[in-house]
């Protein structure tokens, strides 16, 4: 009888338990990402138009956050010098020509246009991105769109999964709670879950204590698979003497008998007694 237990060591599997894909969302201000050139201040005062003749230049309008409309500001035409060069075509701006002063440079009125759609911007509000003037529609097209609803993200932004989201759009698929910048988990279909719901739905249950086997305090948990059942490390014990069982097929491993977990000595006793 004593030679039989060695042949009946159960095959145990020791598995690290963690979400299949786990990430952390990052919250930030949308304006910071919207315009690289101005560090969150993409809006420029209307470009002042200068005509031939004497005068003085008015002060620029104060900065207005993106998304707010701003009416063109009347300007007084200043005196042009013969040395003014258009920053776009690099040709001389004659004192007899209409000119635009914007972004600390001089332009022919016909040269100061949206760099995407070529709309005239002289006397109009415009946006600056990477040193290029843009009209409002073209600027809005450069902004990041929400990965869920497809609408431009104008204020706070959540970055996750390589995309941008409105805070109200980045939610748990199960409880619909906004996740903000906390950790989350993905299932095999790339659906987003808060960690509580993910473990509640997918975590294996220990066959001894019947509690889910989940990571605790930010540390990975381990589950043991044996005889088609799952166990916590601390629950994987001999059912007679309660000694912890090794996952290795050694003398300290599991020697099951009639679907019960036993250490080797207890297995031998049970087998000798002919009962379980």
Protein backbone atom coordinates (compact mmCIF):
# COMPACT_ATOMS: atom_id res chain seq x y z
CA UNK A 1 0.00 0.00 0.00
CA UNK A 2 2.80 2.44 0.76
CA UNK A 3 4.13 2.25 -2.78
CA UNK A 4 0.87 3.35 -4.38
CA UNK A 5 0.72 7.04 -3.35
CA UNK A 6 3.79 7.97 -5.41
CA UNK A 7 1.84 7.04 -8.53
CA UNK A 8 -1.12 9.18 -7.60
CA UNK A 9 0.43 12.63 -7.20
CA UNK A 10 -2.04 15.13 -8.60
CA UNK A 11 -0.99 17.42 -11.40
CA UNK A 12 -1.16 20.97 -10.02
CA UNK A 13 -0.83 24.17 -12.00
CA UNK A 14 0.46 27.36 -10.36
CA UNK A 15 -0.85 30.40 -12.25
CA UNK A 16 -0.29 34.12 -11.77
CA UNK A 17 -3.70 35.80 -11.78
CA UNK A 18 -3.96 39.26 -13.27
CA UNK A 19 -6.32 40.94 -15.76
CA UNK A 20 -5.57 39.92 -19.35
CA UNK A 21 -4.94 43.57 -20.16
CA UNK A 22 -4.60 46.23 -17.50
CA UNK A 23 -3.92 49.91 -18.00
CA UNK A 24 -4.23 53.31 -16.38
CA UNK A 25 -6.08 56.22 -17.93
CA UNK A 26 -4.46 59.67 -17.84
CA UNK A 27 -6.49 62.84 -17.37
CA UNK A 28 -5.31 66.19 -18.68
CA UNK A 29 -6.50 69.47 -20.10
CA UNK A 30 -7.55 69.19 -23.71
CA UNK A 31 -6.14 72.61 -24.63
CA UNK A 32 -2.61 71.53 -23.74
CA UNK A 33 -2.73 68.84 -26.38
CA UNK A 34 -4.71 70.91 -28.85
CA UNK A 35 -2.05 73.41 -29.81
CA UNK A 36 1.64 72.67 -29.67
CA UNK A 37 2.73 76.12 -30.72
CA UNK A 38 1.15 78.13 -27.93
CA UNK A 39 1.06 75.75 -24.98
CA UNK A 40 -2.70 75.79 -24.70
CA UNK A 41 -3.29 79.28 -26.11
CA UNK A 42 -4.13 78.66 -29.74
CA UNK A 43 -6.42 81.62 -30.19
CA UNK A 44 -4.97 84.78 -31.69
CA UNK A 45 -6.42 88.26 -31.83
CA UNK A 46 -7.81 89.26 -35.24
CA UNK A 47 -5.04 90.04 -37.68
CA UNK A 48 -4.75 93.80 -38.01
CA UNK A 49 -4.97 95.17 -41.54
CA UNK A 50 -2.59 97.95 -42.43
CA UNK A 51 -3.08 100.34 -45.32
CA UNK A 52 -0.84 103.03 -46.78
CA UNK A 53 -0.70 106.15 -44.70
CA UNK A 54 0.15 107.32 -41.17
CA UNK A 55 -1.33 106.07 -37.92
CA UNK A 56 -0.70 104.00 -34.82
CA UNK A 57 -1.19 100.34 -34.00
CA UNK A 58 -3.90 99.38 -31.50
CA UNK A 59 -3.20 96.97 -28.62
CA UNK A 60 -4.00 93.30 -29.28
CA UNK A 61 -7.09 91.81 -27.66
CA UNK A 62 -6.62 89.71 -24.54
CA UNK A 63 -6.39 85.95 -24.99
CA UNK A 64 -9.71 84.11 -25.17
CA UNK A 65 -9.87 80.35 -24.47
CA UNK A 66 -10.53 78.12 -27.44
CA UNK A 67 -14.17 77.53 -28.21
CA UNK A 68 -15.23 81.12 -27.48
CA UNK A 69 -16.15 83.48 -30.28
CA UNK A 70 -14.33 86.78 -30.58
CA UNK A 71 -15.38 89.67 -32.77
CA UNK A 72 -12.79 91.34 -35.02
CA UNK A 73 -11.11 94.33 -33.41
CA UNK A 74 -11.01 97.62 -35.37
CA UNK A 75 -7.48 98.77 -36.06
CA UNK A 76 -5.87 102.02 -37.04
CA UNK A 77 -3.59 101.79 -40.10
CA UNK A 78 0.07 102.44 -39.19
CA UNK A 79 2.90 103.69 -41.36
CA UNK A 80 4.68 101.02 -43.43
CA UNK A 81 8.37 101.21 -44.17
CA UNK A 82 9.91 100.35 -47.49
CA UNK A 83 11.69 97.37 -45.91
CA UNK A 84 8.60 95.31 -44.95
CA UNK A 85 8.81 91.74 -46.32
CA UNK A 86 5.85 89.36 -46.53
CA UNK A 87 6.51 86.33 -44.30
CA UNK A 88 4.62 84.08 -46.73
CA UNK A 89 5.79 85.00 -50.25
CA UNK A 90 8.99 86.77 -49.08
CA UNK A 91 8.32 89.72 -51.39
CA UNK A 92 8.33 93.39 -50.44
CA UNK A 93 5.12 94.80 -49.02
CA UNK A 94 4.67 98.16 -50.69
CA UNK A 95 3.39 101.09 -48.61
CA UNK A 96 0.58 101.34 -51.17
CA UNK A 97 -0.59 97.75 -50.59
CA UNK A 98 -2.96 96.38 -47.98
CA UNK A 99 -0.91 94.47 -45.42
CA UNK A 100 -1.52 92.31 -42.38
CA UNK A 101 0.43 92.24 -39.15
CA UNK A 102 0.03 88.94 -37.26
CA UNK A 103 2.18 86.49 -35.28
CA UNK A 104 4.84 89.23 -35.08
CA UNK A 105 5.24 89.21 -38.86
CA UNK A 106 4.13 91.15 -41.93
CA UNK A 107 2.00 89.69 -44.74
CA UNK A 108 0.30 90.85 -47.89
CA UNK A 109 -3.42 90.83 -47.18
CA UNK A 110 -3.92 88.22 -49.91
CA UNK A 111 -1.10 86.07 -48.48
CA UNK A 112 -2.46 85.82 -44.95
CA UNK A 113 -4.78 82.87 -45.37
CA UNK A 114 -5.70 79.67 -43.60
CA UNK A 115 -2.92 77.25 -44.49
CA UNK A 116 -5.44 74.44 -45.00
CA UNK A 117 -8.42 75.87 -46.90
CA UNK A 118 -6.79 79.17 -48.09
CA UNK A 119 -9.60 81.26 -46.64
CA UNK A 120 -8.65 84.93 -46.22
CA UNK A 121 -7.94 85.75 -42.57
CA UNK A 122 -7.20 89.49 -42.76
CA UNK A 123 -9.27 91.20 -40.07
CA UNK A 124 -10.54 87.84 -38.79
CA UNK A 125 -9.95 85.81 -35.66
CA UNK A 126 -7.69 82.84 -36.31
CA UNK A 127 -5.84 80.00 -34.60
CA UNK A 128 -2.16 79.21 -34.65
CA UNK A 129 -0.90 75.62 -34.74
CA UNK A 130 2.75 74.75 -35.33
CA UNK A 131 3.32 78.35 -36.44
CA UNK A 132 0.62 78.12 -39.16
CA UNK A 133 -2.51 80.30 -39.16
CA UNK A 134 -5.77 78.37 -39.40
CA UNK A 135 -9.41 79.40 -39.60
CA UNK A 136 -11.64 78.03 -36.84
CA UNK A 137 -13.22 75.16 -38.86
CA UNK A 138 -9.81 73.90 -40.00
CA UNK A 139 -8.38 74.25 -36.51
CA UNK A 140 -11.26 72.26 -35.03
CA UNK A 141 -10.50 69.50 -37.54
CA UNK A 142 -7.02 69.15 -36.03
CA UNK A 143 -8.34 68.56 -32.51
CA UNK A 144 -8.58 65.07 -31.04
CA UNK A 145 -11.96 63.37 -31.23
CA UNK A 146 -13.43 61.13 -28.58
CA UNK A 147 -12.78 57.45 -29.21
CA UNK A 148 -16.34 56.63 -28.17
CA UNK A 149 -18.68 59.39 -29.42
CA UNK A 150 -16.47 60.89 -32.15
CA UNK A 151 -17.02 64.48 -30.96
CA UNK A 152 -14.05 66.85 -30.49
CA UNK A 153 -12.71 66.84 -26.93
CA UNK A 154 -12.58 70.52 -25.94
CA UNK A 155 -12.01 70.60 -22.19
CA UNK A 156 -10.76 67.77 -20.00
CA UNK A 157 -9.43 64.74 -21.80
CA UNK A 158 -8.89 61.12 -20.79
CA UNK A 159 -6.08 59.30 -22.59
CA UNK A 160 -6.30 55.52 -22.65
CA UNK A 161 -5.87 52.68 -25.15
CA UNK A 162 -4.07 55.05 -27.49
CA UNK A 163 -7.15 57.26 -27.83
CA UNK A 164 -8.72 60.36 -26.31
CA UNK A 165 -12.07 60.34 -24.49
CA UNK A 166 -14.48 62.75 -22.85
CA UNK A 167 -14.50 61.93 -19.11
CA UNK A 168 -18.22 61.08 -19.39
CA UNK A 169 -17.51 58.68 -22.27
CA UNK A 170 -14.80 56.63 -20.59
CA UNK A 171 -16.94 54.38 -18.41
CA UNK A 172 -17.18 50.82 -17.15
CA UNK A 173 -19.24 48.71 -19.54
CA UNK A 174 -20.86 46.94 -16.60
CA UNK A 175 -21.74 49.62 -14.03
CA UNK A 176 -21.41 52.71 -16.32
CA UNK A 177 -19.26 54.46 -13.70
CA UNK A 178 -16.89 57.12 -15.04
CA UNK A 179 -13.37 55.77 -14.62
CA UNK A 180 -11.46 59.05 -14.77
CA UNK A 181 -7.74 58.39 -14.38
CA UNK A 182 -8.02 55.18 -12.35
CA UNK A 183 -6.88 51.70 -13.34
CA UNK A 184 -9.14 49.60 -15.51
CA UNK A 185 -9.20 46.19 -17.20
CA UNK A 186 -10.19 44.88 -20.63
CA UNK A 187 -11.93 41.68 -21.57
CA UNK A 188 -11.21 39.66 -24.70
CA UNK A 189 -13.50 41.98 -26.70
CA UNK A 190 -11.57 45.09 -25.55
CA UNK A 191 -14.50 46.27 -23.45
CA UNK A 192 -13.50 48.47 -20.52
CA UNK A 193 -14.31 47.44 -16.93
CA UNK A 194 -13.59 48.93 -13.56
CA UNK A 195 -11.44 46.47 -11.62
CA UNK A 196 -14.23 45.52 -9.20
CA UNK A 197 -16.62 44.52 -11.97
CA UNK A 198 -13.90 42.82 -13.97
CA UNK A 199 -12.95 40.54 -11.09
CA UNK A 200 -16.58 40.00 -10.14
CA UNK A 201 -17.30 38.74 -13.65
CA UNK A 202 -14.10 36.96 -14.64
CA UNK A 203 -12.15 35.99 -11.51
CA UNK A 204 -12.04 32.25 -10.70
CA UNK A 205 -13.61 31.16 -7.41
CA UNK A 206 -11.73 29.13 -4.84
CA UNK A 207 -13.41 25.74 -4.36
CA UNK A 208 -12.53 25.74 -0.65
CA UNK A 209 -13.51 29.20 0.65
CA UNK A 210 -15.73 30.08 -2.35
CA UNK A 211 -14.22 33.57 -2.59
CA UNK A 212 -12.88 35.01 -5.85
CA UNK A 213 -9.15 34.74 -6.42
CA UNK A 214 -8.15 38.32 -7.14
CA UNK A 215 -5.09 40.59 -6.73
CA UNK A 216 -4.95 42.43 -3.41
CA UNK A 217 -3.31 45.78 -2.58
CA UNK A 218 -1.94 46.16 -6.08
CA UNK A 219 -0.12 42.81 -5.97
CA UNK A 220 -0.78 39.92 -8.31
CA UNK A 221 -2.61 36.94 -6.85
CA UNK A 222 -1.87 33.31 -7.58
CA UNK A 223 -4.33 30.54 -8.19
CA UNK A 224 -3.67 26.83 -8.08
CA UNK A 225 -5.50 24.53 -10.46
CA UNK A 226 -5.85 20.93 -9.43
CA UNK A 227 -8.36 18.26 -10.45
CA UNK A 228 -10.26 20.86 -12.46
CA UNK A 229 -10.74 23.08 -9.40
CA UNK A 230 -9.23 26.44 -8.38
CA UNK A 231 -7.62 27.25 -5.05
CA UNK A 232 -6.06 30.16 -3.22
CA UNK A 233 -2.47 29.46 -2.22
CA UNK A 234 -3.48 29.44 1.43
CA UNK A 235 -6.48 27.19 0.78
CA UNK A 236 -4.52 24.48 -1.01
CA UNK A 237 -4.17 22.24 2.04
CA UNK A 238 -4.52 18.65 3.11
CA UNK A 239 -8.12 18.08 4.17
CA UNK A 240 -7.03 16.01 7.18
CA UNK A 241 -4.03 17.74 8.74
CA UNK A 242 -4.37 21.16 7.02
CA UNK A 243 -0.73 21.27 5.99
CA UNK A 244 -0.05 23.49 2.96
CA UNK A 245 0.46 21.43 -0.17
CA UNK A 246 3.21 22.05 -2.69
CA UNK A 247 2.36 22.55 -6.34
CA UNK A 248 5.30 20.33 -7.25
CA UNK A 249 4.88 16.54 -7.66
CA UNK A 250 7.01 15.81 -4.58
CA UNK A 251 6.41 14.21 -1.18
CA UNK A 252 5.02 17.60 -0.08
CA UNK A 253 2.61 17.69 -3.02
CA UNK A 254 -1.03 16.72 -3.34
CA UNK A 255 -2.04 13.04 -3.16
CA UNK A 256 -5.75 13.08 -3.97
CA UNK A 257 -8.12 10.31 -3.03
CA UNK A 258 -11.71 10.20 -4.28
CA UNK A 259 -11.52 13.88 -5.29
CA UNK A 260 -10.23 14.95 -1.87
CA UNK A 261 -6.90 16.68 -1.24
CA UNK A 262 -4.42 14.94 1.00
CA UNK A 263 -0.75 15.13 1.81
CA UNK A 264 1.23 11.92 1.35
CA UNK A 265 1.05 10.69 4.98
CA UNK A 266 -2.69 11.30 5.21
CA UNK A 267 -3.23 9.67 1.84
CA UNK A 268 -1.39 6.58 3.05
CA UNK A 269 -3.50 6.44 6.25
CA UNK A 270 -6.75 6.85 4.30
CA UNK A 271 -5.76 4.25 1.75
CA UNK A 272 -4.74 1.79 4.47
CA UNK A 273 -8.04 2.30 6.26
CA UNK A 274 -9.90 1.79 2.99
CA UNK A 275 -11.96 4.97 3.46
CA UNK A 276 -11.94 8.66 2.61
